[in-house]
Protein backbone atom coordinates (compact mmCIF):
# COMPACT_ATOMS: atom_id res chain seq x y z
CA MET A 1 -20.16 -15.75 -12.69
CA THR A 2 -22.19 -15.16 -9.46
CA ALA A 3 -22.36 -11.54 -8.23
CA ALA A 4 -20.20 -12.71 -5.29
CA ALA A 5 -17.35 -13.77 -7.55
CA GLU A 6 -17.82 -10.67 -9.88
CA ARG A 7 -17.40 -7.97 -7.16
CA PRO A 8 -15.78 -9.89 -4.05
CA LEU A 9 -15.52 -7.06 -1.93
CA ALA A 10 -19.04 -5.99 -2.26
CA GLY A 11 -19.86 -3.96 1.26
CA ARG A 12 -16.51 -3.65 2.38
CA ILE A 13 -14.34 -0.55 3.34
CA ALA A 14 -10.45 -0.20 2.25
CA VAL A 15 -8.28 2.42 3.00
CA VAL A 16 -5.46 3.36 -0.04
CA THR A 17 -2.53 5.61 0.76
CA GLY A 18 -1.24 7.29 -2.02
CA ALA A 19 -4.13 7.06 -4.24
CA SER A 20 -4.06 9.83 -6.52
CA ARG A 21 -1.71 8.55 -8.63
CA GLY A 22 0.53 5.15 -10.13
CA ILE A 23 0.00 2.22 -7.90
CA GLY A 24 -2.15 3.47 -5.28
CA ARG A 25 -4.72 5.04 -7.98
CA ALA A 26 -4.87 1.40 -10.00
CA ALA A 27 -5.06 -0.12 -6.75
CA ALA A 28 -7.89 1.93 -5.39
CA LEU A 29 -9.58 1.38 -8.82
CA ALA A 30 -9.31 -2.44 -8.85
CA LEU A 31 -10.81 -2.05 -5.49
CA ALA A 32 -13.60 -0.36 -6.25
CA GLY A 33 -14.61 -2.12 -9.05
CA ALA A 34 -14.25 -5.56 -6.78
CA GLY A 35 -17.28 -3.18 -4.78
CA ALA A 36 -15.71 -1.86 -2.70
CA HIS A 37 -15.79 1.74 -0.77
CA ILE A 38 -12.79 3.48 -0.81
CA VAL A 39 -11.24 5.38 1.63
CA ALA A 40 -8.92 7.85 -0.91
CA VAL A 41 -5.77 9.32 0.82
CA ALA A 42 -3.48 11.49 -1.06
CA ARG A 43 -2.04 15.06 -0.61
CA THR A 44 -3.63 16.24 -3.51
CA GLN A 45 -7.35 17.21 -3.81
CA GLY A 46 -7.89 18.27 -7.28
CA ALA A 47 -6.50 14.52 -8.37
CA LEU A 48 -8.48 12.86 -5.56
CA GLU A 49 -11.10 14.27 -6.91
CA GLU A 50 -10.36 12.61 -10.38
CA LEU A 51 -10.20 9.23 -8.82
CA ASP A 52 -13.54 9.73 -7.17
CA ASP A 53 -15.13 10.33 -10.28
CA ALA A 54 -13.58 7.38 -11.85
CA VAL A 55 -14.55 5.26 -9.01
CA GLY A 56 -18.25 6.37 -9.91
CA ALA A 57 -17.66 5.31 -12.94
CA ALA A 58 -15.82 1.49 -11.52
CA GLY A 59 -19.76 1.25 -10.27
CA SER A 60 -18.91 2.22 -6.63
CA THR A 61 -18.28 5.29 -4.26
CA ALA A 62 -15.31 6.73 -2.13
CA THR A 63 -14.48 8.99 1.13
CA LEU A 64 -11.32 11.60 0.09
CA ALA A 65 -9.37 12.30 2.40
CA PRO A 66 -6.61 14.90 1.75
CA PHE A 67 -3.84 14.81 3.80
CA ASP A 68 0.15 14.26 3.96
CA ILE A 69 0.83 10.56 4.96
CA THR A 70 3.33 11.91 7.58
CA ASP A 71 0.74 13.65 9.82
CA SER A 72 0.14 11.59 12.48
CA ASP A 73 -2.69 13.51 14.07
CA ALA A 74 -4.81 13.23 10.66
CA ILE A 75 -3.87 9.64 10.07
CA ASP A 76 -5.11 9.17 13.90
CA ARG A 77 -8.50 10.99 12.73
CA LEU A 78 -8.78 8.82 9.93
CA GLY A 79 -9.35 6.36 12.30
CA ALA A 80 -11.62 8.12 14.31
CA ALA A 81 -13.61 8.97 11.23
CA ILE A 82 -13.64 5.30 9.85
CA ASN A 83 -14.83 4.37 13.39
CA GLU A 84 -17.39 6.77 13.92
CA ARG A 85 -18.76 5.99 10.51
CA TRP A 86 -18.58 2.33 10.11
CA GLY A 87 -16.85 0.90 13.10
CA ARG A 88 -14.49 -1.71 11.48
CA LEU A 89 -12.14 -1.41 8.30
CA ASP A 90 -11.76 -3.93 5.72
CA VAL A 91 -8.84 -3.88 3.71
CA LEU A 92 -5.64 -1.28 4.34
CA VAL A 93 -3.05 -0.48 1.37
CA GLY A 94 -0.56 0.65 2.46
CA ASN A 95 1.13 2.01 -0.87
CA ALA A 96 2.27 5.83 0.09
CA GLY A 97 6.29 6.09 -1.02
CA ILE A 98 8.99 8.63 -2.03
CA LEU A 99 12.33 7.61 -3.66
CA GLY A 100 14.25 9.85 -2.09
CA ALA A 101 17.62 10.67 -3.41
CA LEU A 102 20.12 8.32 -5.13
CA THR A 103 23.34 9.69 -3.52
CA PRO A 104 26.35 7.79 -1.03
CA LEU A 105 25.39 7.93 2.33
CA GLY A 106 28.07 10.54 3.76
CA HIS A 107 26.97 13.10 1.20
CA LEU A 108 22.99 12.13 2.26
CA PRO A 109 21.29 15.41 3.78
CA PRO A 110 19.51 14.53 7.38
CA LYS A 111 16.48 15.82 6.51
CA THR A 112 16.04 13.62 3.02
CA TRP A 113 17.08 10.44 5.59
CA ALA A 114 14.26 11.57 7.63
CA GLN A 115 11.83 12.40 5.11
CA VAL A 116 11.99 8.81 3.47
CA MET A 117 11.89 6.92 6.80
CA ASP A 118 8.93 9.73 7.52
CA VAL A 119 7.07 8.73 4.20
CA ASN A 120 8.19 4.62 4.25
CA VAL A 121 8.58 3.79 7.87
CA THR A 122 6.86 5.73 10.50
CA ALA A 123 3.96 6.92 8.49
CA ASN A 124 2.72 2.89 8.14
CA TRP A 125 3.60 2.25 11.73
CA ARG A 126 1.02 5.06 12.72
CA LEU A 127 -0.94 3.72 10.01
CA ILE A 128 -0.94 0.17 11.91
CA ARG A 129 -1.73 1.43 15.25
CA SER A 130 -4.60 3.88 14.33
CA LEU A 131 -6.34 1.27 11.99
CA ASP A 132 -5.69 -2.18 13.96
CA PRO A 133 -8.54 -1.73 15.97
CA LEU A 134 -10.96 -1.10 13.04
CA LEU A 135 -9.22 -4.20 11.34
CA ARG A 136 -9.68 -6.60 13.85
CA ARG A 137 -13.43 -5.87 14.15
CA SER A 138 -13.54 -6.93 10.11
CA ASP A 139 -14.69 -10.72 9.70
CA ALA A 140 -11.56 -10.66 7.27
CA GLY A 141 -9.00 -8.10 7.61
CA ARG A 142 -6.34 -7.32 5.39
CA ALA A 143 -3.39 -5.45 5.05
CA VAL A 144 -1.13 -5.02 2.12
CA PHE A 145 2.03 -3.13 2.46
CA VAL A 146 3.96 -2.15 -1.21
CA THR A 147 7.87 -3.19 -0.47
CA SER A 148 9.83 -2.88 -2.90
CA GLY A 149 13.18 -5.71 -4.41
CA ALA A 150 15.84 -2.51 -3.18
CA ALA A 151 15.43 -3.80 0.68
CA HIS A 152 17.08 -6.64 -0.01
CA LYS A 153 19.49 -6.12 -2.80
CA ALA A 154 21.36 -3.17 -1.25
CA ARG A 155 23.29 -1.38 -4.27
CA ALA A 156 25.25 1.87 -3.85
CA TYR A 157 23.46 5.42 -3.61
CA TRP A 158 20.01 3.84 -2.96
CA GLY A 159 20.40 3.44 0.63
CA PRO A 160 17.50 5.18 2.05
CA TYR A 161 14.95 3.77 0.58
CA ALA A 162 16.28 0.64 0.95
CA VAL A 163 17.00 0.98 3.84
CA SER A 164 13.33 1.92 4.40
CA LYS A 165 11.94 -0.95 2.92
CA ALA A 166 13.55 -3.03 4.66
CA ALA A 167 12.23 -1.98 7.93
CA LEU A 168 9.12 -1.73 5.98
CA ASP A 169 9.45 -6.02 5.52
CA ALA A 170 10.25 -5.96 9.64
CA LEU A 171 7.50 -3.67 10.49
CA VAL A 172 4.91 -5.73 8.13
CA ARG A 173 5.95 -9.39 9.30
CA THR A 174 6.36 -8.38 12.69
CA TYR A 175 2.03 -7.02 12.65
CA ALA A 176 1.39 -10.61 10.89
CA ALA A 177 2.93 -12.55 13.62
CA GLU A 178 1.22 -10.32 16.25
CA THR A 179 -2.23 -10.42 14.64
CA GLU A 180 -1.50 -14.60 13.17
CA THR A 181 -4.47 -15.88 15.36
CA THR A 182 -6.77 -13.07 14.59
CA ALA A 183 -8.76 -12.83 11.03
CA ILE A 184 -6.24 -10.41 9.65
CA ARG A 185 -3.60 -11.39 7.15
CA ALA A 186 -0.68 -8.75 6.18
CA MET A 187 1.18 -8.71 3.13
CA LEU A 188 4.17 -7.32 1.26
CA LEU A 189 4.06 -6.78 -2.34
CA ASN A 190 7.04 -6.13 -4.58
CA PRO A 191 5.72 -4.55 -7.43
CA GLY A 192 9.04 -4.43 -9.42
CA PRO A 193 9.61 -2.23 -12.02
CA LEU A 194 6.90 -0.46 -13.24
CA ARG A 195 5.63 2.55 -15.49
CA THR A 196 5.70 4.93 -12.57
CA ALA A 197 6.91 8.81 -12.14
CA MET A 198 9.15 6.97 -8.74
CA ARG A 199 10.42 4.59 -11.82
CA HIS A 200 11.13 7.57 -13.80
CA GLN A 201 12.97 8.85 -11.10
CA ALA A 202 15.09 6.68 -10.64
CA MET A 203 16.12 5.24 -14.37
CA PRO A 204 15.15 8.20 -16.12
CA GLY A 205 17.38 6.50 -19.15
CA GLU A 206 15.02 3.41 -19.21
CA ASP A 207 12.26 3.03 -21.94
CA PRO A 208 8.84 2.97 -20.45
CA GLN A 209 7.29 1.25 -23.28
CA THR A 210 9.26 -2.12 -21.98
CA LEU A 211 7.39 -1.96 -18.17
CA ARG A 212 4.50 -3.36 -17.44
CA THR A 213 2.15 -1.18 -15.95
CA PRO A 214 0.46 -0.21 -12.43
CA GLU A 215 -3.13 -1.46 -14.19
CA ASP A 216 -1.27 -4.63 -14.79
CA LEU A 217 -0.79 -5.47 -11.17
CA ALA A 218 -3.77 -3.85 -9.58
CA PRO A 219 -5.67 -6.90 -10.07
CA HIS A 220 -3.35 -8.26 -7.47
CA PHE A 221 -4.19 -5.83 -4.81
CA VAL A 222 -8.02 -7.24 -4.92
CA ARG A 223 -6.78 -10.82 -4.57
CA LEU A 224 -4.59 -10.39 -1.51
CA ALA A 225 -7.92 -8.13 0.07
CA SER A 226 -10.31 -10.66 -0.30
CA PRO A 227 -12.07 -12.46 2.54
CA GLY A 228 -10.40 -15.65 0.88
CA TRP A 229 -6.97 -14.55 1.24
CA THR A 230 -5.30 -16.58 3.76
CA GLU A 231 -1.36 -16.32 3.47
CA THR A 232 0.44 -13.93 6.36
CA GLY A 233 3.31 -12.53 6.60
CA LYS A 234 4.98 -13.23 3.62
CA LEU A 235 5.45 -11.10 -0.19
CA TYR A 236 4.13 -11.44 -2.98
CA ASP A 237 6.27 -11.06 -5.70
CA PHE A 238 4.80 -9.32 -8.77
CA PRO A 239 7.20 -10.11 -11.12
CA SER A 240 7.47 -13.80 -10.89
CA ASP A 241 3.83 -14.37 -9.72
CA ARG A 242 4.58 -16.46 -6.44
CA VAL A 243 4.16 -15.69 -2.78
CA LEU A 244 7.18 -16.08 -0.77
CA ALA A 245 8.25 -17.15 2.58
CA PHE A 246 11.04 -15.42 4.51
CA GLN A 247 14.03 -17.44 5.08
CA PRO A 248 16.02 -17.21 8.17
CA PRO A 249 19.95 -17.49 7.13
CA ALA A 250 21.72 -20.90 6.46
């Protein structure tokens, strides 16, 4: 196997949000193992420092960006710092997300609704707004956003999370349409049920040993982030291992 095949992201710059644990951490380590320099965004400094050590053990390097993803000024500063240091961005993984409350819509506190929308939707729009010019300067800009099957199931009591993920789907598909004639490819990724803290919060009675792990999913971030990936505006569904188009209603 050639060095390029072993490290398909060598020399590439990748931003990963929610990078300190769960899916984000696993994605960051997989991208690092493929050769990418990781710009790791999360709130917890200590967890980011642990990630930094793990990235080094994977043979790569990281830049730590400890801030809350709802801090729009910090997102703009991130874009400015990446521009000053590298002048481009090759990969954006929008992973940070929260579940919010599982409760009837009529019982939901407005503050909880706003928080879920801020993290799951608005923060990803702010990332696109700040980082799109840098992705356009890459020879193969790749944007991957983590969604959920909840976006289309409309299950009782899952309102804020389901609505936010449906909005995220529309956001990313719109961005894909706007960048279709560029070198950017924008994809949604549905991880399905995985052994994460969020899953345990949503399904506390479930046996976590029956679920696949973020590390099982992580290699697919490398695939979608690689220059050879050609699809855009579609959904990679991990449970079925298929790329799905969004079909209009009959």
